[in-house]
Amino acid sequence: MNPKNKSLQKSFLALADLVALNIINLALLFHLNKQTTDFYLFTIFCISSNLVWMVCSYSSSMYQNNKLSNFRRLATKTMGAFIFYNCFLIIFAYFALHKFTNTYIIFDQLGLASFLFISRLSYILFMNYLLNTSEYKKKIAFIGSNKNVTRLIEYFRENHGSTVIAGIFGETCGQNQSIPLLGTINDCVKYAIDNKINEIYSTLSPTAHPALYQLAETAERSFIRFKFVPDLTEFAGHAGRVEFIEDTPVISLRNEPLADVSGQIAKRLFDIIFSSLVTIFILSWLLPILAILIKLDSKGPVFFTQLRSGKNNIPFKVLKLRTLKVNSDADSLQVTRGDKRITKLGAFLRKTNLDELPQFLNVLAGDMSVVGSRPHMLKHTLEYSQLFDNYMLRHYTKPGITGWAQVNGYRGEIKEAEQLKKRVEYDLWYAENWNLWLDIKIIYLTAFKTLVGDENAF
């Protein structure tokens, strides 16, 4: 489907949601007209509800183009946005303290939930009907068998159920044994004409296979779309991304959602809001208590500061509650399991992650993010960068209080090179797949692991 058409679908669905939300609000306004004259409060709510819904829906990536044709994904994203929108309704009702709010909230929830269910179901049924008509249904084939073919097959199966995968042209099907081998490369155009194949995707390099140019011209003259799929791993070592500046294609070595200004703003706003709430409702009373306990437990300062590697490898002072006895090796020696430097209270603080709480102040200062790769000591950054070529890539983003590697079991002491390698892989995966919902998921998993106990926390 043409990207412009996908964008139009996205815009139409987003507009329909906002129109429905305001129709529900107006309908309730007529109902409220008989019960109350507090239209000022109602006006504030209407404006706020629109803004909150836009933030919730776009933060959940609900209108993301490649998700719209998948009912399960669309339903999941819609449910997530609706749940967070309900949180806003409940908070508004709590602070409004007006007699009409409870009834209003219930009808607003029911009205929006009904519309979302009916609209999503209707949209999916309509799209499935269109995609299964002869005009939109298409048959495709591939030239070559490699990772790109595997990824394309998975994509079409998951997102375009109406697309029929005829098979593969080449010497072998490779790891795609479930797809039939249709013949050699030279057979592809004749087979496509005889079997009404609409599109051919070539994952082989035309430089290595010059005959592909002639095959492409023959296919196009026969009204068969011939598409080349570049293998960026040939020079990048991993999957890259193709962007367009006007009509000029630009290849990036990696996908970086946080390289976009919109992503940076969204993440920064989330960090400020979340850290402010933690600071106001938790740090304001818990830190003084912990400070007193630390002073009673051992001699030394309450806080421990240390230079760590930040974004773009710029050092910053990380702030933690002191969990070790004052020692001269704090900036060079990694804490190990059963480390004799750990104080009695420090063992509890480290096990429960309470020693990391002051880092929310680092987040507010802009040095850290709530979620990101954990910052390492400068000494370790130098050592680890010499072990793995991709290690420094984790510094493209701000370090975090918690991260994707940590919730997947890669935290704490690093004993083997494989542990560091896996940690870097998870950190890079996070940077290339970031979205606000992933941040929320990681925060939830961090809290859950803290409550049930994490064997890697010591």
Protein backbone atom coordinates (compact mmCIF):
# COMPACT_ATOMS: atom_id res chain seq x y z
CA MET A 1 0.00 0.00 0.00
CA ASN A 2 1.25 3.46 -0.91
CA PRO A 3 2.79 5.34 2.09
CA LYS A 4 0.57 8.34 1.35
CA ASN A 5 -2.53 6.14 1.56
CA LYS A 6 -1.27 4.68 4.84
CA SER A 7 -0.73 8.19 6.17
CA LEU A 8 -4.26 9.10 5.10
CA GLN A 9 -5.66 6.08 6.97
CA LYS A 10 -3.69 7.08 10.06
CA SER A 11 -4.95 10.66 9.91
CA PHE A 12 -8.55 9.56 9.31
CA LEU A 13 -8.52 7.17 12.28
CA ALA A 14 -6.95 9.80 14.55
CA LEU A 15 -9.47 12.44 13.46
CA ALA A 16 -12.38 10.03 13.91
CA ASP A 17 -11.29 9.33 17.49
CA LEU A 18 -11.11 13.03 18.34
CA VAL A 19 -14.47 13.75 16.70
CA ALA A 20 -16.09 10.88 18.59
CA LEU A 21 -14.57 12.03 21.88
CA ASN A 22 -15.96 15.53 21.42
CA ILE A 23 -19.39 14.27 20.32
CA ILE A 24 -19.52 12.23 23.54
CA ASN A 25 -18.50 15.33 25.53
CA LEU A 26 -21.17 17.47 23.82
CA ALA A 27 -23.85 14.83 24.37
CA LEU A 28 -22.99 14.77 28.05
CA LEU A 29 -23.02 18.58 28.09
CA PHE A 30 -26.70 18.59 27.15
CA HIS A 31 -27.32 16.07 29.90
CA LEU A 32 -25.37 18.13 32.41
CA ASN A 33 -27.25 21.28 31.41
CA LYS A 34 -30.21 19.97 33.39
CA GLN A 35 -28.15 19.26 36.50
CA THR A 36 -25.41 21.86 36.83
CA THR A 37 -24.25 25.24 35.58
CA ASP A 38 -20.58 24.61 36.22
CA PHE A 39 -19.64 24.93 32.55
CA TYR A 40 -16.24 26.40 33.38
CA LEU A 41 -15.09 23.13 34.91
CA PHE A 42 -16.64 21.20 32.04
CA THR A 43 -14.83 23.35 29.47
CA ILE A 44 -11.51 22.72 31.20
CA PHE A 45 -12.24 19.01 31.13
CA CYS A 46 -13.11 18.99 27.42
CA ILE A 47 -9.89 20.77 26.45
CA SER A 48 -7.81 18.59 28.78
CA SER A 49 -9.44 15.37 27.58
CA ASN A 50 -8.55 16.16 23.96
CA LEU A 51 -4.93 16.89 24.83
CA VAL A 52 -4.61 13.83 27.06
CA TRP A 53 -6.16 11.52 24.46
CA MET A 54 -3.76 12.78 21.78
CA VAL A 55 -0.80 12.20 24.08
CA CYS A 56 -2.03 8.72 25.09
CA SER A 57 -2.84 7.61 21.55
CA TYR A 58 0.33 8.85 19.93
CA SER A 59 2.54 7.69 22.82
CA SER A 60 1.15 4.18 22.38
CA SER A 61 2.00 4.27 18.63
CA MET A 62 -1.63 3.38 18.00
CA TYR A 63 -1.69 5.10 14.63
CA GLN A 64 1.65 3.73 13.46
CA ASN A 65 1.31 2.82 9.80
CA ASN A 66 2.46 -0.78 9.84
CA LYS A 67 0.18 -1.64 12.76
CA LEU A 68 -3.16 -0.58 11.31
CA SER A 69 -3.90 -3.78 9.40
CA ASN A 70 -3.21 -6.08 12.36
CA PHE A 71 -6.24 -6.35 14.63
CA ARG A 72 -4.38 -7.81 17.62
CA ARG A 73 -1.77 -5.05 17.62
CA LEU A 74 -4.26 -2.31 16.97
CA ALA A 75 -6.51 -3.62 19.77
CA THR A 76 -3.57 -3.83 22.19
CA LYS A 77 -2.40 -0.29 21.43
CA THR A 78 -5.96 1.03 21.68
CA MET A 79 -6.48 -0.69 25.03
CA GLY A 80 -3.24 0.79 26.37
CA ALA A 81 -4.20 4.31 25.32
CA PHE A 82 -7.70 3.88 26.75
CA ILE A 83 -6.37 2.67 30.12
CA PHE A 84 -4.08 5.68 30.49
CA TYR A 85 -6.88 7.98 29.40
CA ASN A 86 -9.03 6.46 32.15
CA CYS A 87 -6.31 7.26 34.65
CA PHE A 88 -6.70 10.91 33.63
CA LEU A 89 -10.50 10.69 34.10
CA ILE A 90 -10.12 9.23 37.58
CA ILE A 91 -7.54 11.85 38.61
CA PHE A 92 -9.76 14.64 37.26
CA ALA A 93 -12.78 13.29 39.14
CA TYR A 94 -10.73 13.06 42.35
CA PHE A 95 -9.56 16.67 42.22
CA ALA A 96 -12.80 18.12 40.83
CA LEU A 97 -14.86 17.05 43.87
CA HIS A 98 -18.16 17.85 42.09
CA LYS A 99 -21.26 15.74 42.34
CA PHE A 100 -21.65 15.35 38.57
CA THR A 101 -18.17 13.95 37.94
CA ASN A 102 -18.80 10.32 38.94
CA THR A 103 -21.77 9.93 36.62
CA TYR A 104 -20.00 11.82 33.89
CA ILE A 105 -16.85 9.69 34.13
CA ILE A 106 -18.85 6.46 33.84
CA PHE A 107 -20.74 7.63 30.74
CA ASP A 108 -17.58 9.06 29.18
CA GLN A 109 -15.78 5.75 29.68
CA LEU A 110 -18.66 3.69 28.31
CA GLY A 111 -19.16 6.01 25.33
CA LEU A 112 -15.51 6.10 24.30
CA ALA A 113 -15.02 2.37 24.92
CA SER A 114 -18.04 1.55 22.74
CA PHE A 115 -16.84 3.78 19.92
CA LEU A 116 -13.29 2.42 20.03
CA PHE A 117 -14.52 -1.18 19.90
CA ILE A 118 -16.99 -0.61 17.07
CA SER A 119 -14.65 1.61 15.03
CA ARG A 120 -11.68 -0.77 15.31
CA LEU A 121 -13.77 -3.81 14.48
CA SER A 122 -15.39 -2.05 11.51
CA TYR A 123 -12.03 -0.78 10.29
CA ILE A 124 -10.40 -4.22 10.41
CA LEU A 125 -13.36 -5.94 8.73
CA PHE A 126 -13.41 -3.30 5.99
CA MET A 127 -9.65 -3.49 5.43
CA ASN A 128 -9.70 -7.29 5.32
CA TYR A 129 -12.52 -7.16 2.79
CA LEU A 130 -10.59 -4.74 0.59
CA LEU A 131 -7.32 -6.62 0.83
CA ASN A 132 -8.98 -9.87 -0.15
CA THR A 133 -10.59 -8.48 -3.29
CA SER A 134 -8.90 -9.24 -6.59
CA GLU A 135 -7.86 -5.60 -6.98
CA TYR A 136 -5.80 -5.53 -3.78
CA LYS A 137 -4.84 -9.19 -3.38
CA LYS A 138 -1.36 -9.85 -4.73
CA LYS A 139 1.05 -12.70 -5.38
CA ILE A 140 4.78 -12.25 -4.78
CA ALA A 141 8.05 -14.17 -5.23
CA PHE A 142 11.65 -13.73 -4.09
CA ILE A 143 15.03 -14.02 -5.77
CA GLY A 144 17.72 -15.39 -3.47
CA SER A 145 17.52 -16.85 0.03
CA ASN A 146 19.04 -14.92 2.92
CA LYS A 147 18.09 -13.08 6.10
CA ASN A 148 16.35 -10.34 4.13
CA VAL A 149 14.03 -12.91 2.54
CA THR A 150 13.28 -14.40 5.95
CA ARG A 151 12.44 -10.97 7.37
CA LEU A 152 10.23 -10.10 4.39
CA ILE A 153 8.36 -13.40 4.60
CA GLU A 154 7.72 -12.85 8.32
CA TYR A 155 6.57 -9.29 7.62
CA PHE A 156 4.09 -10.24 4.89
CA ARG A 157 2.71 -13.15 6.90
CA GLU A 158 2.24 -11.02 10.00
CA ASN A 159 0.97 -7.79 8.47
CA HIS A 160 -0.44 -8.71 5.06
CA GLY A 161 -2.40 -11.93 5.29
CA SER A 162 -3.91 -11.30 1.85
CA THR A 163 -0.48 -11.52 0.19
CA VAL A 164 0.30 -14.92 -1.34
CA ILE A 165 3.98 -15.94 -1.27
CA ALA A 166 4.53 -18.08 -4.38
CA GLY A 167 8.11 -19.12 -3.70
CA ILE A 168 11.81 -18.47 -4.20
CA PHE A 169 14.03 -18.37 -7.29
CA GLY A 170 17.64 -19.40 -6.84
CA GLU A 171 19.87 -22.35 -6.11
CA THR A 172 18.31 -23.22 -2.75
CA CYS A 173 15.62 -22.12 -0.30
CA GLY A 174 18.20 -21.94 2.47
CA GLN A 175 16.57 -21.60 5.86
CA ASN A 176 13.16 -20.90 4.27
CA GLN A 177 12.33 -24.57 3.77
CA SER A 178 8.58 -23.94 4.07
CA ILE A 179 8.68 -21.87 0.85
CA PRO A 180 8.84 -23.79 -2.46
CA LEU A 181 11.83 -23.41 -4.79
CA LEU A 182 10.34 -22.30 -8.14
CA GLY A 183 13.45 -22.48 -10.32
CA THR A 184 16.62 -20.63 -11.20
CA ILE A 185 17.00 -16.86 -11.35
CA ASN A 186 16.59 -16.86 -15.13
CA ASP A 187 13.22 -18.65 -14.80
CA CYS A 188 11.62 -15.94 -12.64
CA VAL A 189 10.07 -13.65 -15.28
CA LYS A 190 8.58 -16.43 -17.42
CA TYR A 191 7.18 -18.14 -14.31
CA ALA A 192 5.79 -14.85 -13.04
CA ILE A 193 3.98 -14.19 -16.33
CA ASP A 194 2.53 -17.71 -16.52
CA ASN A 195 1.39 -17.72 -12.86
CA LYS A 196 0.20 -14.10 -12.57
CA ILE A 197 2.74 -13.01 -9.98
CA ASN A 198 2.43 -9.29 -9.25
CA GLU A 199 5.77 -8.48 -7.60
CA ILE A 200 9.28 -9.93 -7.53
CA TYR A 201 11.67 -9.00 -4.72
CA SER A 202 15.35 -9.50 -5.50
CA THR A 203 17.57 -9.76 -2.43
CA LEU A 204 20.69 -10.43 -4.51
CA SER A 205 23.15 -7.69 -5.43
CA PRO A 206 22.84 -6.64 -9.10
CA THR A 207 26.57 -5.93 -9.00
CA ALA A 208 27.26 -9.61 -8.39
CA HIS A 209 24.42 -10.70 -10.70
CA PRO A 210 24.32 -8.28 -13.70
CA ALA A 211 21.58 -10.35 -15.38
CA LEU A 212 19.12 -8.96 -12.81
CA TYR A 213 19.01 -5.61 -14.65
CA GLN A 214 17.75 -7.25 -17.82
CA LEU A 215 15.29 -9.40 -15.86
CA ALA A 216 13.97 -6.27 -14.14
CA GLU A 217 13.36 -4.49 -17.45
CA THR A 218 11.60 -7.55 -18.91
CA ALA A 219 9.42 -7.90 -15.81
CA GLU A 220 8.42 -4.22 -15.84
CA ARG A 221 7.42 -4.43 -19.51
CA SER A 222 5.20 -7.37 -18.57
CA PHE A 223 3.53 -5.30 -15.79
CA ILE A 224 5.31 -7.22 -13.04
CA ARG A 225 6.85 -4.95 -10.43
CA PHE A 226 10.51 -5.77 -9.85
CA LYS A 227 12.00 -4.53 -6.57
CA PHE A 228 15.58 -4.62 -5.32
CA VAL A 229 16.17 -5.19 -1.59
CA PRO A 230 19.65 -3.90 -0.58
CA ASP A 231 21.52 -5.92 2.03
CA LEU A 232 22.91 -3.19 4.28
CA THR A 233 24.74 -5.73 6.44
CA GLU A 234 27.32 -6.05 3.67
CA PHE A 235 28.97 -2.83 4.86
CA ALA A 236 27.19 -1.89 8.09
CA GLY A 237 27.49 -5.22 9.88
CA HIS A 238 23.82 -5.01 10.92
CA ALA A 239 20.46 -3.89 9.65
CA GLY A 240 20.36 -0.23 8.65
CA ARG A 241 17.65 2.20 7.62
CA VAL A 242 16.90 4.01 4.38
CA GLU A 243 15.60 7.58 4.63
CA PHE A 244 14.74 10.11 1.96
CA ILE A 245 15.80 13.76 1.88
CA GLU A 246 13.56 15.06 -0.88
CA ASP A 247 14.14 12.38 -3.56
CA THR A 248 17.63 11.42 -2.42
CA PRO A 249 17.95 8.08 -0.55
CA VAL A 250 20.19 8.18 2.52
CA ILE A 251 21.31 5.00 4.27
CA SER A 252 21.73 5.14 8.05
CA LEU A 253 23.73 2.41 9.75
CA ARG A 254 21.05 1.87 12.39
CA ASN A 255 17.53 2.81 13.37
CA GLU A 256 17.58 5.52 16.05
CA PRO A 257 14.15 6.71 17.22
CA LEU A 258 15.84 9.00 19.75
CA ALA A 259 17.81 10.76 17.03
CA ASP A 260 14.56 12.49 16.00
CA VAL A 261 13.64 15.69 17.85
CA SER A 262 10.09 14.43 18.47
CA GLY A 263 11.45 11.30 20.17
CA GLN A 264 13.87 13.31 22.29
CA ILE A 265 11.12 15.69 23.42
CA ALA A 266 8.70 12.85 24.25
CA LYS A 267 11.32 10.98 26.28
CA ARG A 268 12.48 14.12 28.08
CA LEU A 269 8.92 15.10 29.02
CA PHE A 270 8.28 11.58 30.31
CA ASP A 271 11.51 11.69 32.33
CA ILE A 272 10.65 15.05 33.88
CA ILE A 273 7.07 14.08 34.76
CA PHE A 274 7.96 10.64 36.15
CA SER A 275 11.00 11.87 38.09
CA SER A 276 9.07 14.84 39.50
CA LEU A 277 6.36 12.52 40.80
CA VAL A 278 8.95 10.21 42.38
CA THR A 279 10.78 13.18 43.91
CA ILE A 280 7.63 14.76 45.35
CA PHE A 281 5.84 11.66 46.60
CA ILE A 282 8.78 9.36 47.51
CA LEU A 283 12.14 11.08 47.79
CA SER A 284 10.76 13.99 49.82
CA TRP A 285 10.10 11.76 52.85
CA LEU A 286 12.13 8.59 52.19
CA LEU A 287 15.54 10.18 51.60
CA PRO A 288 15.69 11.89 55.04
CA ILE A 289 14.85 8.57 56.72
CA LEU A 290 17.47 6.66 54.73
CA ALA A 291 20.02 9.42 55.38
CA ILE A 292 19.59 9.03 59.13
CA LEU A 293 19.87 5.23 58.90
CA ILE A 294 23.05 5.45 56.80
CA LYS A 295 24.62 7.82 59.33
CA LEU A 296 23.72 5.44 62.18
CA ASP A 297 24.97 2.39 60.29
CA SER A 298 28.49 3.50 59.37
CA LYS A 299 30.84 6.45 59.25
CA GLY A 300 30.97 8.51 56.09
CA PRO A 301 28.80 10.70 53.85
CA VAL A 302 25.17 9.89 53.04
CA PHE A 303 25.63 10.23 49.30
CA PHE A 304 28.21 8.70 47.02
CA THR A 305 29.15 10.51 43.82
CA GLN A 306 31.22 9.07 41.03
CA LEU A 307 32.17 10.06 37.49
CA ARG A 308 30.38 7.83 34.98
CA SER A 309 30.21 7.78 31.18
CA GLY A 310 27.18 9.70 29.89
CA LYS A 311 25.67 10.47 26.51
CA ASN A 312 28.32 10.83 23.79
CA ASN A 313 30.77 9.51 26.42
CA ILE A 314 30.73 12.85 28.28
CA PRO A 315 31.44 12.16 31.99
CA PHE A 316 28.93 13.22 34.64
CA LYS A 317 28.63 12.75 38.37
CA VAL A 318 26.16 10.00 39.22
CA LEU A 319 24.43 10.31 42.60
CA LYS A 320 23.78 7.29 44.82
CA LEU A 321 23.18 6.51 48.46
CA ARG A 322 26.39 5.22 50.00
CA THR A 323 26.30 1.44 50.45
CA LEU A 324 30.03 0.77 50.98
CA LYS A 325 32.40 1.57 53.76
CA VAL A 326 34.58 4.52 52.85
CA ASN A 327 37.47 3.07 50.84
CA SER A 328 40.12 4.15 48.33
CA ASP A 329 39.06 1.58 45.67
CA ALA A 330 35.52 2.87 45.13
CA ASP A 331 36.37 4.47 41.77
CA SER A 332 38.35 1.55 40.36
CA LEU A 333 37.18 -1.73 41.89
CA GLN A 334 33.84 -3.23 40.83
CA VAL A 335 31.51 -4.39 43.62
CA THR A 336 31.31 -8.20 43.74
CA ARG A 337 28.96 -10.66 45.44
CA GLY A 338 29.90 -10.92 49.12
CA ASP A 339 32.07 -7.80 48.89
CA LYS A 340 33.33 -6.99 52.41
CA ARG A 341 33.08 -3.27 51.67
CA ILE A 342 29.28 -3.43 51.65
CA THR A 343 27.71 -2.18 54.90
CA LYS A 344 24.83 -3.99 56.62
CA LEU A 345 22.33 -1.35 55.57
CA GLY A 346 24.05 -1.09 52.18
CA ALA A 347 23.27 -4.73 51.44
CA PHE A 348 19.57 -4.01 51.93
CA LEU A 349 19.70 -0.80 49.89
CA ARG A 350 21.41 -2.54 46.98
CA LYS A 351 19.09 -5.54 47.08
CA THR A 352 16.01 -3.30 46.92
CA ASN A 353 17.55 -0.76 44.49
CA LEU A 354 16.90 2.02 47.01
CA ASP A 355 20.50 3.18 46.64
CA GLU A 356 19.65 4.28 43.08
CA LEU A 357 16.80 6.61 44.12
CA PRO A 358 18.89 9.83 44.17
CA GLN A 359 19.55 9.31 40.46
CA PHE A 360 16.08 10.70 39.78
CA LEU A 361 17.77 14.01 40.59
CA ASN A 362 20.31 13.20 37.85
CA VAL A 363 17.34 12.68 35.54
CA LEU A 364 15.84 16.05 36.43
CA ALA A 365 19.25 17.65 35.85
CA GLY A 366 19.29 16.14 32.35
CA ASP A 367 22.34 13.88 32.79
CA MET A 368 20.33 10.66 32.85
CA SER A 369 17.04 9.17 31.74
CA VAL A 370 14.71 6.96 33.77
CA VAL A 371 15.34 4.15 31.26
CA GLY A 372 18.54 3.63 29.31
CA SER A 373 21.82 1.74 29.43
CA ARG A 374 23.41 1.71 32.88
CA PRO A 375 26.40 4.09 33.14
CA HIS A 376 29.77 2.49 33.83
CA MET A 377 32.82 3.85 35.59
CA LEU A 378 35.25 5.69 33.31
CA LYS A 379 37.86 3.00 33.91
CA HIS A 380 35.46 0.27 32.83
CA THR A 381 34.31 2.21 29.77
CA LEU A 382 37.91 2.34 28.57
CA GLU A 383 38.44 -1.38 29.24
CA TYR A 384 35.15 -2.58 27.75
CA SER A 385 35.51 -0.44 24.62
CA GLN A 386 38.69 -2.37 23.81
CA LEU A 387 36.88 -5.71 24.17
CA PHE A 388 33.91 -5.00 21.87
CA ASP A 389 33.83 -2.76 18.80
CA ASN A 390 30.14 -1.90 19.33
CA TYR A 391 30.48 -1.08 23.02
CA MET A 392 30.70 2.70 22.58
CA LEU A 393 27.46 2.75 20.55
CA ARG A 394 25.51 2.44 23.80
CA HIS A 395 26.58 6.02 24.58
CA TYR A 396 24.51 7.46 21.74
CA THR A 397 21.66 7.73 24.28
CA LYS A 398 21.49 8.98 27.84
CA PRO A 399 22.27 6.39 30.54
CA GLY A 400 19.34 5.22 32.65
CA ILE A 401 18.43 4.30 36.21
CA THR A 402 17.21 0.99 34.82
CA GLY A 403 17.37 -0.57 31.39
CA TRP A 404 16.40 -3.37 29.01
CA ALA A 405 19.57 -5.32 29.84
CA GLN A 406 18.88 -5.08 33.58
CA VAL A 407 15.32 -6.45 33.42
CA ASN A 408 16.58 -9.30 31.23
CA GLY A 409 19.04 -10.47 33.87
CA TYR A 410 22.20 -8.64 32.79
CA ARG A 411 23.00 -6.39 35.72
CA GLY A 412 25.55 -6.23 38.49
CA GLU A 413 28.99 -7.81 38.39
CA ILE A 414 30.53 -8.69 35.02
CA LYS A 415 32.63 -11.86 35.33
CA GLU A 416 32.76 -13.07 31.73
CA ALA A 417 33.07 -11.41 28.34
CA GLU A 418 29.79 -13.02 27.24
CA GLN A 419 27.91 -11.17 30.01
CA LEU A 420 29.23 -7.86 28.73
CA LYS A 421 28.45 -8.81 25.13
CA LYS A 422 24.83 -9.66 25.97
CA ARG A 423 24.46 -6.46 28.00
CA VAL A 424 25.67 -4.40 25.05
CA GLU A 425 23.33 -6.28 22.68
CA TYR A 426 20.31 -5.51 24.89
CA ASP A 427 21.36 -1.87 25.26
CA LEU A 428 21.67 -1.45 21.49
CA TRP A 429 18.37 -3.24 20.88
CA TYR A 430 16.68 -0.78 23.26
CA ALA A 431 18.21 2.23 21.47
CA GLU A 432 17.03 0.93 18.08
CA ASN A 433 13.50 0.00 19.24
CA TRP A 434 12.72 2.72 21.77
CA ASN A 435 9.20 3.97 22.39
CA LEU A 436 7.42 5.28 25.48
CA TRP A 437 5.54 2.02 25.99
CA LEU A 438 8.83 0.15 26.10
CA ASP A 439 10.00 2.56 28.82
CA ILE A 440 6.83 1.93 30.82
CA LYS A 441 7.24 -1.84 30.37
CA ILE A 442 10.84 -1.70 31.63
CA ILE A 443 9.82 0.41 34.65
CA TYR A 444 7.08 -2.11 35.48
CA LEU A 445 9.47 -5.07 35.12
CA THR A 446 12.04 -3.29 37.30
CA ALA A 447 9.45 -2.72 40.06
CA PHE A 448 8.24 -6.31 39.75
CA LYS A 449 11.75 -7.76 39.99
CA THR A 450 12.46 -5.54 42.99
CA LEU A 451 9.36 -6.83 44.78
CA VAL A 452 9.88 -10.53 44.04
CA GLY A 453 13.66 -10.32 44.39
CA ASP A 454 16.40 -10.25 41.77
CA GLU A 455 19.19 -12.81 42.20
CA ASN A 456 21.59 -10.49 40.37
CA ALA A 457 20.98 -7.66 42.85
CA PHE A 458 23.56 -7.56 45.65
